[in-house]
Amino acid sequence: MKSFEFAVIGGSYAGMAAALQLARARRNVLVVDAGQPRNRFVDAAGGTSHGYLTQDGSAPAEIAADAREQLMNYPNVEWLTGTADDARVAPDGRLTFRVHNETLGAQRLIIATGVRDLLPLVPGLAERWGHSVFHCPYCHGYEADAGPIGIIAASPLAQHHAIMLPDWGRTTLFLNGAYRPNAEELAAIARRGTQVEVVPIARIDGFADVVLQDGRTLCMNALFTQPQTVMSSPIAEQLGCTLEDGPTGRFIKVDDFKATSVPNVFACGDAARIAGNVTLAVADGAMAAYGAHRTSMTQAQ
């Protein structure tokens, strides 16, 4: 069985950030990546990433490609394209997993597998995801060009959007039968100037045009919603990592150094956060690497 000092499962922003720190510590590192980053829909729609220092307005795939090129300049890094599964803790404490029916081992494992978004079932919404429909105002609110902006309610988190998004433009909250704000919430929404529309949505047309069931069409510069999330990989559960319930879905519980409840297993990025973006993913990955490297030195002494 081929074994590594460190294995990083997931080669997007968090995973590559973790691998880079370990590579620079001159440790032997394997990165396993399935090639399905969460923000691939932004690339598919010809969109760009925002709010990431020095890369504002760059395509996500270009950022990732540059990062991988720089990472692979280190001869102690190996990249394996594929899906990791069947992760286990061996009797001797070594961590094992399978890729392409081959069992691989690692002394320490960093999970950076991310999450998948489960979108509300509104006709026309999925086709515009990452193009004119988003979930993060900090990432895409500015490009709405001061409004009008629509919020398609999918959960009570719609109230959070309704209070935040007026900073980016004139905002309308479409309840769409998914969320019923109470009097206190309605008052808070009204104070921010957000309009509330109770008529259900029939479909999304054009760029971001909301067609209501009563025949009206409200044209928006951007739409935001609150997808539920599920972890993209069963690795954490297979290893027995403790999970926590967040407002959008479950995530891996970690400490300040990104250690999970399982010895020598760390987690970072969207799979180990309530919410995140590219900047936070990169910071998470670096911290996970610091934590994993620190324990390797401590246990070696």
C-alpha atoms as a PDB file:
ATOM      1  CA  MET A   1       0.000   0.000   0.000  1.00  0.00           C
ATOM      2  CA  LYS A   2       1.370   3.371  -1.008  1.00  0.00           C
ATOM      3  CA  SER A   3       1.450   5.762   1.925  1.00  0.00           C
ATOM      4  CA  PHE A   4       2.043   9.465   2.453  1.00  0.00           C
ATOM      5  CA  GLU A   5       2.876  11.699   5.385  1.00  0.00           C
ATOM      6  CA  PHE A   6      -0.096  13.927   4.559  1.00  0.00           C
ATOM      7  CA  ALA A   7      -3.082  13.451   2.280  1.00  0.00           C
ATOM      8  CA  VAL A   8      -5.443  16.260   1.335  1.00  0.00           C
ATOM      9  CA  ILE A   9      -8.829  15.118   0.044  1.00  0.00           C
ATOM     10  CA  GLY A  10     -10.219  17.909  -2.107  1.00  0.00           C
ATOM     11  CA  GLY A  11      -8.081  20.087  -4.364  1.00  0.00           C
ATOM     12  CA  SER A  12      -9.971  23.352  -4.552  1.00  0.00           C
ATOM     13  CA  TYR A  13      -9.000  26.542  -2.712  1.00  0.00           C
ATOM     14  CA  ALA A  14      -8.902  25.185   0.838  1.00  0.00           C
ATOM     15  CA  GLY A  15      -7.227  21.937  -0.164  1.00  0.00           C
ATOM     16  CA  MET A  16      -4.528  23.559  -2.267  1.00  0.00           C
ATOM     17  CA  ALA A  17      -3.849  26.157   0.424  1.00  0.00           C
ATOM     18  CA  ALA A  18      -3.311  23.343   2.922  1.00  0.00           C
ATOM     19  CA  ALA A  19      -1.106  21.364   0.546  1.00  0.00           C
ATOM     20  CA  LEU A  20       1.028  24.431  -0.225  1.00  0.00           C
ATOM     21  CA  GLN A  21       1.928  25.026   3.421  1.00  0.00           C
ATOM     22  CA  LEU A  22       2.816  21.364   3.916  1.00  0.00           C
ATOM     23  CA  ALA A  23       4.855  21.303   0.713  1.00  0.00           C
ATOM     24  CA  ARG A  24       6.834  24.284   1.944  1.00  0.00           C
ATOM     25  CA  ALA A  25       7.469  22.392   5.183  1.00  0.00           C
ATOM     26  CA  ARG A  26       9.158  19.812   2.934  1.00  0.00           C
ATOM     27  CA  ARG A  27       6.630  17.133   3.793  1.00  0.00           C
ATOM     28  CA  ASN A  28       5.387  14.409   1.467  1.00  0.00           C
ATOM     29  CA  VAL A  29       1.866  15.387   0.322  1.00  0.00           C
ATOM     30  CA  LEU A  30      -0.846  13.754  -1.775  1.00  0.00           C
ATOM     31  CA  VAL A  31      -3.766  15.783  -3.104  1.00  0.00           C
ATOM     32  CA  VAL A  32      -6.833  13.871  -4.296  1.00  0.00           C
ATOM     33  CA  ASP A  33      -9.385  15.872  -6.249  1.00  0.00           C
ATOM     34  CA  ALA A  34     -12.563  14.900  -8.110  1.00  0.00           C
ATOM     35  CA  GLY A  35     -12.664  18.102 -10.173  1.00  0.00           C
ATOM     36  CA  GLN A  36     -16.102  19.263  -8.979  1.00  0.00           C
ATOM     37  CA  PRO A  37     -15.596  22.587  -7.132  1.00  0.00           C
ATOM     38  CA  ARG A  38     -18.657  24.235  -5.619  1.00  0.00           C
ATOM     39  CA  ASN A  39     -18.311  27.380  -7.736  1.00  0.00           C
ATOM     40  CA  ARG A  40     -17.956  25.565 -11.070  1.00  0.00           C
ATOM     41  CA  PHE A  41     -21.357  26.973 -12.098  1.00  0.00           C
ATOM     42  CA  VAL A  42     -19.885  30.481 -12.011  1.00  0.00           C
ATOM     43  CA  ASP A  43     -17.240  29.363 -14.503  1.00  0.00           C
ATOM     44  CA  ALA A  44     -19.825  27.632 -16.675  1.00  0.00           C
ATOM     45  CA  ALA A  45     -21.825  30.866 -16.832  1.00  0.00           C
ATOM     46  CA  GLY A  46     -18.750  32.925 -17.709  1.00  0.00           C
ATOM     47  CA  GLY A  47     -18.790  34.654 -14.330  1.00  0.00           C
ATOM     48  CA  THR A  48     -15.958  35.837 -12.135  1.00  0.00           C
ATOM     49  CA  SER A  49     -14.880  35.631  -8.502  1.00  0.00           C
ATOM     50  CA  HIS A  50     -14.950  38.725  -6.325  1.00  0.00           C
ATOM     51  CA  GLY A  51     -13.619  39.902  -2.989  1.00  0.00           C
ATOM     52  CA  TYR A  52     -10.431  37.800  -3.058  1.00  0.00           C
ATOM     53  CA  LEU A  53      -7.408  40.070  -2.675  1.00  0.00           C
ATOM     54  CA  THR A  54      -5.318  40.434  -5.874  1.00  0.00           C
ATOM     55  CA  GLN A  55      -7.796  38.245  -7.812  1.00  0.00           C
ATOM     56  CA  ASP A  56     -10.959  40.370  -7.774  1.00  0.00           C
ATOM     57  CA  GLY A  57     -12.780  39.810 -11.058  1.00  0.00           C
ATOM     58  CA  SER A  58     -10.815  36.716 -12.094  1.00  0.00           C
ATOM     59  CA  ALA A  59     -12.535  33.546 -13.244  1.00  0.00           C
ATOM     60  CA  PRO A  60     -12.593  30.905 -10.476  1.00  0.00           C
ATOM     61  CA  ALA A  61     -11.064  28.286 -12.777  1.00  0.00           C
ATOM     62  CA  GLU A  62      -8.166  30.622 -13.591  1.00  0.00           C
ATOM     63  CA  ILE A  63      -7.459  31.212  -9.906  1.00  0.00           C
ATOM     64  CA  ALA A  64      -7.503  27.472  -9.277  1.00  0.00           C
ATOM     65  CA  ALA A  65      -5.324  26.722 -12.304  1.00  0.00           C
ATOM     66  CA  ASP A  66      -2.703  29.245 -11.210  1.00  0.00           C
ATOM     67  CA  ALA A  67      -2.747  27.829  -7.692  1.00  0.00           C
ATOM     68  CA  ARG A  68      -2.308  24.258  -8.930  1.00  0.00           C
ATOM     69  CA  GLU A  69       0.564  25.248 -11.231  1.00  0.00           C
ATOM     70  CA  GLN A  70       2.371  26.914  -8.349  1.00  0.00           C
ATOM     71  CA  LEU A  71       1.660  23.997  -6.006  1.00  0.00           C
ATOM     72  CA  MET A  72       2.955  21.405  -8.449  1.00  0.00           C
ATOM     73  CA  ASN A  73       6.290  23.205  -8.678  1.00  0.00           C
ATOM     74  CA  TYR A  74       7.087  21.467  -5.394  1.00  0.00           C
ATOM     75  CA  PRO A  75       8.533  17.999  -6.108  1.00  0.00           C
ATOM     76  CA  ASN A  76       7.180  16.591  -2.835  1.00  0.00           C
ATOM     77  CA  VAL A  77       3.537  17.020  -3.959  1.00  0.00           C
ATOM     78  CA  GLU A  78       1.611  14.352  -5.879  1.00  0.00           C
ATOM     79  CA  TRP A  79      -1.771  15.061  -7.491  1.00  0.00           C
ATOM     80  CA  LEU A  80      -4.292  12.286  -8.077  1.00  0.00           C
ATOM     81  CA  THR A  81      -7.478  12.994 -10.007  1.00  0.00           C
ATOM     82  CA  GLY A  82     -10.348  10.890  -8.700  1.00  0.00           C
ATOM     83  CA  THR A  83     -12.851  10.409  -5.906  1.00  0.00           C
ATOM     84  CA  ALA A  84     -11.665   9.206  -2.501  1.00  0.00           C
ATOM     85  CA  ASP A  85     -13.953   6.803  -0.658  1.00  0.00           C
ATOM     86  CA  ASP A  86     -14.002   3.987   1.879  1.00  0.00           C
ATOM     87  CA  ALA A  87     -11.968   5.937   4.415  1.00  0.00           C
ATOM     88  CA  ARG A  88     -10.983   4.058   7.573  1.00  0.00           C
ATOM     89  CA  VAL A  89      -8.786   4.265  10.637  1.00  0.00           C
ATOM     90  CA  ALA A  90      -6.469   1.225  10.594  1.00  0.00           C
ATOM     91  CA  PRO A  91      -5.645  -0.633  13.837  1.00  0.00           C
ATOM     92  CA  ASP A  92      -2.196   1.015  13.881  1.00  0.00           C
ATOM     93  CA  GLY A  93      -3.805   4.467  13.601  1.00  0.00           C
ATOM     94  CA  ARG A  94      -2.906   4.964   9.955  1.00  0.00           C
ATOM     95  CA  LEU A  95      -5.659   6.497   7.854  1.00  0.00           C
ATOM     96  CA  THR A  96      -6.606   4.650   4.684  1.00  0.00           C
ATOM     97  CA  PHE A  97      -8.896   5.403   1.755  1.00  0.00           C
ATOM     98  CA  ARG A  98      -9.488   4.152  -1.764  1.00  0.00           C
ATOM     99  CA  VAL A  99      -9.091   5.941  -5.102  1.00  0.00           C
ATOM    100  CA  HIS A 100      -9.614   4.064  -8.390  1.00  0.00           C
ATOM    101  CA  ASN A 101      -9.869   0.797  -6.399  1.00  0.00           C
ATOM    102  CA  GLU A 102      -6.398   1.351  -4.944  1.00  0.00           C
ATOM    103  CA  THR A 103      -5.966   1.590  -1.183  1.00  0.00           C
ATOM    104  CA  LEU A 104      -3.767   4.482  -0.074  1.00  0.00           C
ATOM    105  CA  GLY A 105      -2.584   5.487   3.370  1.00  0.00           C
ATOM    106  CA  ALA A 106      -1.616   8.647   5.208  1.00  0.00           C
ATOM    107  CA  GLN A 107      -0.317   9.521   8.641  1.00  0.00           C
ATOM    108  CA  ARG A 108      -2.505  12.629   8.632  1.00  0.00           C
ATOM    109  CA  LEU A 109      -5.513  13.510   6.564  1.00  0.00           C
ATOM    110  CA  ILE A 110      -7.019  16.908   5.703  1.00  0.00           C
ATOM    111  CA  ILE A 111     -10.612  16.867   4.462  1.00  0.00           C
ATOM    112  CA  ALA A 112     -11.332  19.743   2.073  1.00  0.00           C
ATOM    113  CA  THR A 113     -14.128  18.190   0.060  1.00  0.00           C
ATOM    114  CA  GLY A 114     -16.580  21.106   0.191  1.00  0.00           C
ATOM    115  CA  VAL A 115     -20.356  20.992  -0.117  1.00  0.00           C
ATOM    116  CA  ARG A 116     -23.087  20.810  -2.742  1.00  0.00           C
ATOM    117  CA  ASP A 117     -25.918  23.330  -2.966  1.00  0.00           C
ATOM    118  CA  LEU A 118     -29.529  22.137  -3.029  1.00  0.00           C
ATOM    119  CA  LEU A 119     -31.470  24.863  -4.819  1.00  0.00           C
ATOM    120  CA  PRO A 120     -35.132  25.782  -4.352  1.00  0.00           C
ATOM    121  CA  LEU A 121     -37.369  24.222  -6.998  1.00  0.00           C
ATOM    122  CA  VAL A 122     -38.280  27.368  -8.911  1.00  0.00           C
ATOM    123  CA  PRO A 123     -38.512  26.894 -12.698  1.00  0.00           C
ATOM    124  CA  GLY A 124     -35.621  28.642 -14.403  1.00  0.00           C
ATOM    125  CA  LEU A 125     -33.565  29.169 -11.249  1.00  0.00           C
ATOM    126  CA  ALA A 126     -31.073  26.306 -11.611  1.00  0.00           C
ATOM    127  CA  GLU A 127     -30.189  27.349 -15.163  1.00  0.00           C
ATOM    128  CA  ARG A 128     -29.171  30.792 -13.867  1.00  0.00           C
ATOM    129  CA  TRP A 129     -27.269  29.621 -10.780  1.00  0.00           C
ATOM    130  CA  GLY A 130     -23.841  31.256 -10.732  1.00  0.00           C
ATOM    131  CA  HIS A 131     -24.811  33.621 -13.543  1.00  0.00           C
ATOM    132  CA  SER A 132     -27.616  35.824 -12.214  1.00  0.00           C
ATOM    133  CA  VAL A 133     -28.708  33.839  -9.133  1.00  0.00           C
ATOM    134  CA  PHE A 134     -26.362  33.680  -6.131  1.00  0.00           C
ATOM    135  CA  HIS A 135     -26.243  33.081  -2.387  1.00  0.00           C
ATOM    136  CA  CYS A 136     -23.481  35.453  -1.187  1.00  0.00           C
ATOM    137  CA  PRO A 137     -23.982  39.250  -1.366  1.00  0.00           C
ATOM    138  CA  TYR A 138     -20.334  39.886  -0.495  1.00  0.00           C
ATOM    139  CA  CYS A 139     -19.267  37.845  -3.519  1.00  0.00           C
ATOM    140  CA  HIS A 140     -21.789  39.109  -6.074  1.00  0.00           C
ATOM    141  CA  GLY A 141     -23.865  41.970  -4.641  1.00  0.00           C
ATOM    142  CA  TYR A 142     -21.736  44.786  -6.056  1.00  0.00           C
ATOM    143  CA  GLU A 143     -22.259  43.568  -9.618  1.00  0.00           C
ATOM    144  CA  ALA A 144     -26.030  44.147  -9.237  1.00  0.00           C
ATOM    145  CA  ASP A 145     -25.108  47.789  -9.967  1.00  0.00           C
ATOM    146  CA  ALA A 146     -27.228  49.256  -7.151  1.00  0.00           C
ATOM    147  CA  GLY A 147     -30.332  47.203  -7.906  1.00  0.00           C
ATOM    148  CA  PRO A 148     -33.025  46.196  -8.341  1.00  0.00           C
ATOM    149  CA  ILE A 149     -32.272  42.986  -6.455  1.00  0.00           C
ATOM    150  CA  GLY A 150     -34.618  40.087  -5.755  1.00  0.00           C
ATOM    151  CA  ILE A 151     -34.487  37.574  -2.918  1.00  0.00           C
ATOM    152  CA  ILE A 152     -36.169  34.227  -3.500  1.00  0.00           C
ATOM    153  CA  ALA A 153     -37.042  32.878  -0.073  1.00  0.00           C
ATOM    154  CA  ALA A 154     -36.138  29.236   0.515  1.00  0.00           C
ATOM    155  CA  SER A 155     -35.833  29.266   4.316  1.00  0.00           C
ATOM    156  CA  PRO A 156     -35.996  31.670   7.287  1.00  0.00           C
ATOM    157  CA  LEU A 157     -32.496  32.791   6.289  1.00  0.00           C
ATOM    158  CA  ALA A 158     -34.287  34.912   3.710  1.00  0.00           C
ATOM    159  CA  GLN A 159     -34.774  37.486   6.468  1.00  0.00           C
ATOM    160  CA  HIS A 160     -30.982  37.756   6.797  1.00  0.00           C
ATOM    161  CA  HIS A 161     -30.757  38.472   3.061  1.00  0.00           C
ATOM    162  CA  ALA A 162     -33.630  40.958   3.279  1.00  0.00           C
ATOM    163  CA  ILE A 163     -31.773  42.994   5.886  1.00  0.00           C
ATOM    164  CA  MET A 164     -28.335  42.761   4.228  1.00  0.00           C
ATOM    165  CA  LEU A 165     -29.017  43.287   0.547  1.00  0.00           C
ATOM    166  CA  PRO A 166     -30.374  46.863   0.607  1.00  0.00           C
ATOM    167  CA  ASP A 167     -26.747  47.958   0.960  1.00  0.00           C
ATOM    168  CA  TRP A 168     -26.306  46.739  -2.626  1.00  0.00           C
ATOM    169  CA  GLY A 169     -29.548  47.996  -4.205  1.00  0.00           C
ATOM    170  CA  ARG A 170     -33.319  48.286  -4.070  1.00  0.00           C
ATOM    171  CA  THR A 171     -34.478  44.966  -2.727  1.00  0.00           C
ATOM    172  CA  THR A 172     -37.622  42.868  -3.036  1.00  0.00           C
ATOM    173  CA  LEU A 173     -38.197  39.751  -0.945  1.00  0.00           C
ATOM    174  CA  PHE A 174     -40.268  37.103  -2.737  1.00  0.00           C
ATOM    175  CA  LEU A 175     -41.729  34.913   0.018  1.00  0.00           C
ATOM    176  CA  ASN A 176     -42.837  32.284  -2.530  1.00  0.00           C
ATOM    177  CA  GLY A 177     -44.619  30.273   0.175  1.00  0.00           C
ATOM    178  CA  ALA A 178     -41.283  29.207   1.672  1.00  0.00           C
ATOM    179  CA  TYR A 179     -41.026  31.671   4.545  1.00  0.00           C
ATOM    180  CA  ARG A 180     -43.592  33.525   6.648  1.00  0.00           C
ATOM    181  CA  PRO A 181     -41.979  36.390   8.604  1.00  0.00           C
ATOM    182  CA  ASN A 182     -43.534  37.309  11.940  1.00  0.00           C
ATOM    183  CA  ALA A 183     -44.446  40.863  12.911  1.00  0.00           C
ATOM    184  CA  GLU A 184     -41.046  41.604  14.430  1.00  0.00           C
ATOM    185  CA  GLU A 185     -39.233  40.297  11.354  1.00  0.00           C
ATOM    186  CA  LEU A 186     -41.507  42.269   9.030  1.00  0.00           C
ATOM    187  CA  ALA A 187     -40.751  45.421  10.983  1.00  0.00           C
ATOM    188  CA  ALA A 188     -36.992  44.822  10.711  1.00  0.00           C
ATOM    189  CA  ILE A 189     -37.317  44.173   6.971  1.00  0.00           C
ATOM    190  CA  ALA A 190     -39.390  47.330   6.506  1.00  0.00           C
ATOM    191  CA  ARG A 191     -36.833  49.445   8.359  1.00  0.00           C
ATOM    192  CA  ARG A 192     -34.268  48.438   5.735  1.00  0.00           C
ATOM    193  CA  GLY A 193     -36.616  49.449   2.927  1.00  0.00           C
ATOM    194  CA  THR A 194     -37.021  45.939   1.511  1.00  0.00           C
ATOM    195  CA  GLN A 195     -40.316  45.348  -0.277  1.00  0.00           C
ATOM    196  CA  VAL A 196     -42.175  42.094   0.408  1.00  0.00           C
ATOM    197  CA  GLU A 197     -43.985  40.218  -2.376  1.00  0.00           C
ATOM    198  CA  VAL A 198     -46.407  37.476  -1.293  1.00  0.00           C
ATOM    199  CA  VAL A 199     -47.605  36.265  -4.704  1.00  0.00           C
ATOM    200  CA  PRO A 200     -45.841  32.978  -5.586  1.00  0.00           C
ATOM    201  CA  ILE A 201     -43.288  32.782  -8.393  1.00  0.00           C
ATOM    202  CA  ALA A 202     -44.250  31.049 -11.618  1.00  0.00           C
ATOM    203  CA  ARG A 203     -40.764  31.015 -13.153  1.00  0.00           C
ATOM    204  CA  ILE A 204     -37.556  32.949 -13.790  1.00  0.00           C
ATOM    205  CA  ASP A 205     -37.141  34.309 -17.312  1.00  0.00           C
ATOM    206  CA  GLY A 206     -34.527  36.297 -19.194  1.00  0.00           C
ATOM    207  CA  PHE A 207     -31.510  37.359 -17.183  1.00  0.00           C
ATOM    208  CA  ALA A 208     -33.202  37.647 -13.786  1.00  0.00           C
ATOM    209  CA  ASP A 209     -36.865  38.384 -14.491  1.00  0.00           C
ATOM    210  CA  VAL A 210     -39.273  37.087 -11.847  1.00  0.00           C
ATOM    211  CA  VAL A 211     -42.613  36.064 -13.371  1.00  0.00           C
ATOM    212  CA  LEU A 212     -45.331  35.850 -10.717  1.00  0.00           C
ATOM    213  CA  GLN A 213     -48.367  33.622 -10.798  1.00  0.00           C
ATOM    214  CA  ASP A 214     -50.660  36.646 -11.213  1.00  0.00           C
ATOM    215  CA  GLY A 215     -48.921  37.471 -14.515  1.00  0.00           C
ATOM    216  CA  ARG A 216     -46.698  40.329 -13.352  1.00  0.00           C
ATOM    217  CA  THR A 217     -43.005  40.352 -14.279  1.00  0.00           C
ATOM    218  CA  LEU A 218     -40.453  42.103 -12.074  1.00  0.00           C
ATOM    219  CA  CYS A 219     -37.074  42.601 -13.773  1.00  0.00           C
ATOM    220  CA  MET A 220     -34.062  42.308 -11.478  1.00  0.00           C
ATOM    221  CA  ASN A 221     -30.345  42.921 -11.889  1.00  0.00           C
ATOM    222  CA  ALA A 222     -29.584  39.895  -9.694  1.00  0.00           C
ATOM    223  CA  LEU A 223     -31.340  37.301  -7.592  1.00  0.00           C
ATOM    224  CA  PHE A 224     -30.262  35.753  -4.304  1.00  0.00           C
ATOM    225  CA  THR A 225     -31.510  32.667  -2.503  1.00  0.00           C
ATOM    226  CA  GLN A 226     -30.590  30.390   0.411  1.00  0.00           C
ATOM    227  CA  PRO A 227     -29.669  26.883  -0.776  1.00  0.00           C
ATOM    228  CA  GLN A 228     -29.407  24.020   1.643  1.00  0.00           C
ATOM    229  CA  THR A 229     -25.991  22.336   1.626  1.00  0.00           C
ATOM    230  CA  VAL A 230     -24.870  18.731   1.859  1.00  0.00           C
ATOM    231  CA  MET A 231     -21.294  17.546   2.137  1.00  0.00           C
ATOM    232  CA  SER A 232     -19.826  16.497  -1.187  1.00  0.00           C
ATOM    233  CA  SER A 233     -18.081  13.453   0.248  1.00  0.00           C
ATOM    234  CA  PRO A 234     -18.884  10.782   2.864  1.00  0.00           C
ATOM    235  CA  ILE A 235     -15.233  10.713   4.020  1.00  0.00           C
ATOM    236  CA  ALA A 236     -15.861  12.547   7.296  1.00  0.00           C
ATOM    237  CA  GLU A 237     -18.742  10.283   8.277  1.00  0.00           C
ATOM    238  CA  GLN A 238     -16.832   7.169   7.254  1.00  0.00           C
ATOM    239  CA  LEU A 239     -14.021   8.147   9.616  1.00  0.00           C
ATOM    240  CA  GLY A 240     -16.460   8.960  12.441  1.00  0.00           C
ATOM    241  CA  CYS A 241     -15.872  12.724  12.583  1.00  0.00           C
ATOM    242  CA  THR A 242     -18.362  14.635  14.711  1.00  0.00           C
ATOM    243  CA  LEU A 243     -20.742  16.760  12.660  1.00  0.00           C
ATOM    244  CA  GLU A 244     -22.706  19.854  13.660  1.00  0.00           C
ATOM    245  CA  ASP A 245     -25.994  21.255  12.402  1.00  0.00           C
ATOM    246  CA  GLY A 246     -25.792  24.702  10.841  1.00  0.00           C
ATOM    247  CA  PRO A 247     -28.465  26.985   9.415  1.00  0.00           C
ATOM    248  CA  THR A 248     -28.005  25.598   5.889  1.00  0.00           C
ATOM    249  CA  GLY A 249     -26.893  22.035   6.634  1.00  0.00           C
ATOM    250  CA  ARG A 250     -24.430  19.851   8.513  1.00  0.00           C
ATOM    251  CA  PHE A 251     -20.711  20.578   8.661  1.00  0.00           C
ATOM    252  CA  ILE A 252     -17.635  18.981  10.251  1.00  0.00           C
ATOM    253  CA  LYS A 253     -16.869  20.119  13.792  1.00  0.00           C
ATOM    254  CA  VAL A 254     -13.285  21.365  14.174  1.00  0.00           C
ATOM    255  CA  ASP A 255     -11.219  23.208  16.772  1.00  0.00           C
ATOM    256  CA  ASP A 256      -9.189  26.385  16.270  1.00  0.00           C
ATOM    257  CA  PHE A 257      -6.476  24.429  14.435  1.00  0.00           C
ATOM    258  CA  LYS A 258      -9.065  22.642  12.257  1.00  0.00           C
ATOM    259  CA  ALA A 259      -8.658  19.305  14.040  1.00  0.00           C
ATOM    260  CA  THR A 260     -11.713  17.050  13.921  1.00  0.00           C
ATOM    261  CA  SER A 261     -12.843  14.665  16.658  1.00  0.00           C
ATOM    262  CA  VAL A 262     -10.783  11.877  15.037  1.00  0.00           C
ATOM    263  CA  PRO A 263      -7.041  11.885  15.825  1.00  0.00           C
ATOM    264  CA  ASN A 264      -4.836  13.045  12.936  1.00  0.00           C
ATOM    265  CA  VAL A 265      -7.828  14.096  10.837  1.00  0.00           C
ATOM    266  CA  PHE A 266      -8.319  17.779  10.017  1.00  0.00           C
ATOM    267  CA  ALA A 267     -10.974  19.578   7.975  1.00  0.00           C
ATOM    268  CA  CYS A 268     -11.206  22.957   6.271  1.00  0.00           C
ATOM    269  CA  GLY A 269     -13.195  24.969   3.774  1.00  0.00           C
ATOM    270  CA  ASP A 270     -16.934  24.860   3.217  1.00  0.00           C
ATOM    271  CA  ALA A 271     -17.262  21.329   4.619  1.00  0.00           C
ATOM    272  CA  ALA A 272     -16.067  22.612   8.002  1.00  0.00           C
ATOM    273  CA  ARG A 273     -17.734  26.037   8.154  1.00  0.00           C
ATOM    274  CA  ILE A 274     -21.235  27.412   8.651  1.00  0.00           C
ATOM    275  CA  ALA A 275     -20.616  29.597   5.582  1.00  0.00           C
ATOM    276  CA  GLY A 276     -17.633  30.664   3.544  1.00  0.00           C
ATOM    277  CA  ASN A 277     -16.064  32.132   0.428  1.00  0.00           C
ATOM    278  CA  VAL A 278     -12.741  31.871  -1.403  1.00  0.00           C
ATOM    279  CA  THR A 279     -10.854  34.060   1.076  1.00  0.00           C
ATOM    280  CA  LEU A 280     -12.082  32.103   4.078  1.00  0.00           C
ATOM    281  CA  ALA A 281     -11.425  28.776   2.335  1.00  0.00           C
ATOM    282  CA  VAL A 282      -7.789  29.682   1.681  1.00  0.00           C
ATOM    283  CA  ALA A 283      -7.320  30.850   5.272  1.00  0.00           C
ATOM    284  CA  ASP A 284      -8.961  27.666   6.551  1.00  0.00           C
ATOM    285  CA  GLY A 285      -6.667  25.504   4.442  1.00  0.00           C
ATOM    286  CA  ALA A 286      -3.554  27.226   5.719  1.00  0.00           C
ATOM    287  CA  MET A 287      -4.710  26.819   9.321  1.00  0.00           C
ATOM    288  CA  ALA A 288      -5.485  23.129   8.799  1.00  0.00           C
ATOM    289  CA  ALA A 289      -1.967  22.620   7.461  1.00  0.00           C
ATOM    290  CA  TYR A 290      -0.469  24.432  10.456  1.00  0.00           C
ATOM    291  CA  GLY A 291      -2.507  22.256  12.795  1.00  0.00           C
ATOM    292  CA  ALA A 292      -1.621  19.018  11.061  1.00  0.00           C
ATOM    293  CA  HIS A 293       2.077  19.886  10.791  1.00  0.00           C
ATOM    294  CA  ARG A 294       2.195  20.970  14.435  1.00  0.00           C
ATOM    295  CA  THR A 295       0.847  17.606  15.651  1.00  0.00           C
ATOM    296  CA  SER A 296       3.323  15.734  13.471  1.00  0.00           C
ATOM    297  CA  MET A 297       6.212  17.552  15.160  1.00  0.00           C
ATOM    298  CA  THR A 298       4.745  17.082  18.635  1.00  0.00           C
ATOM    299  CA  GLN A 299       4.211  13.356  18.209  1.00  0.00           C
ATOM    300  CA  ALA A 300       7.665  12.926  16.687  1.00  0.00           C
ATOM    301  CA  GLN A 301       9.370  14.303  19.775  1.00  0.00           C
END
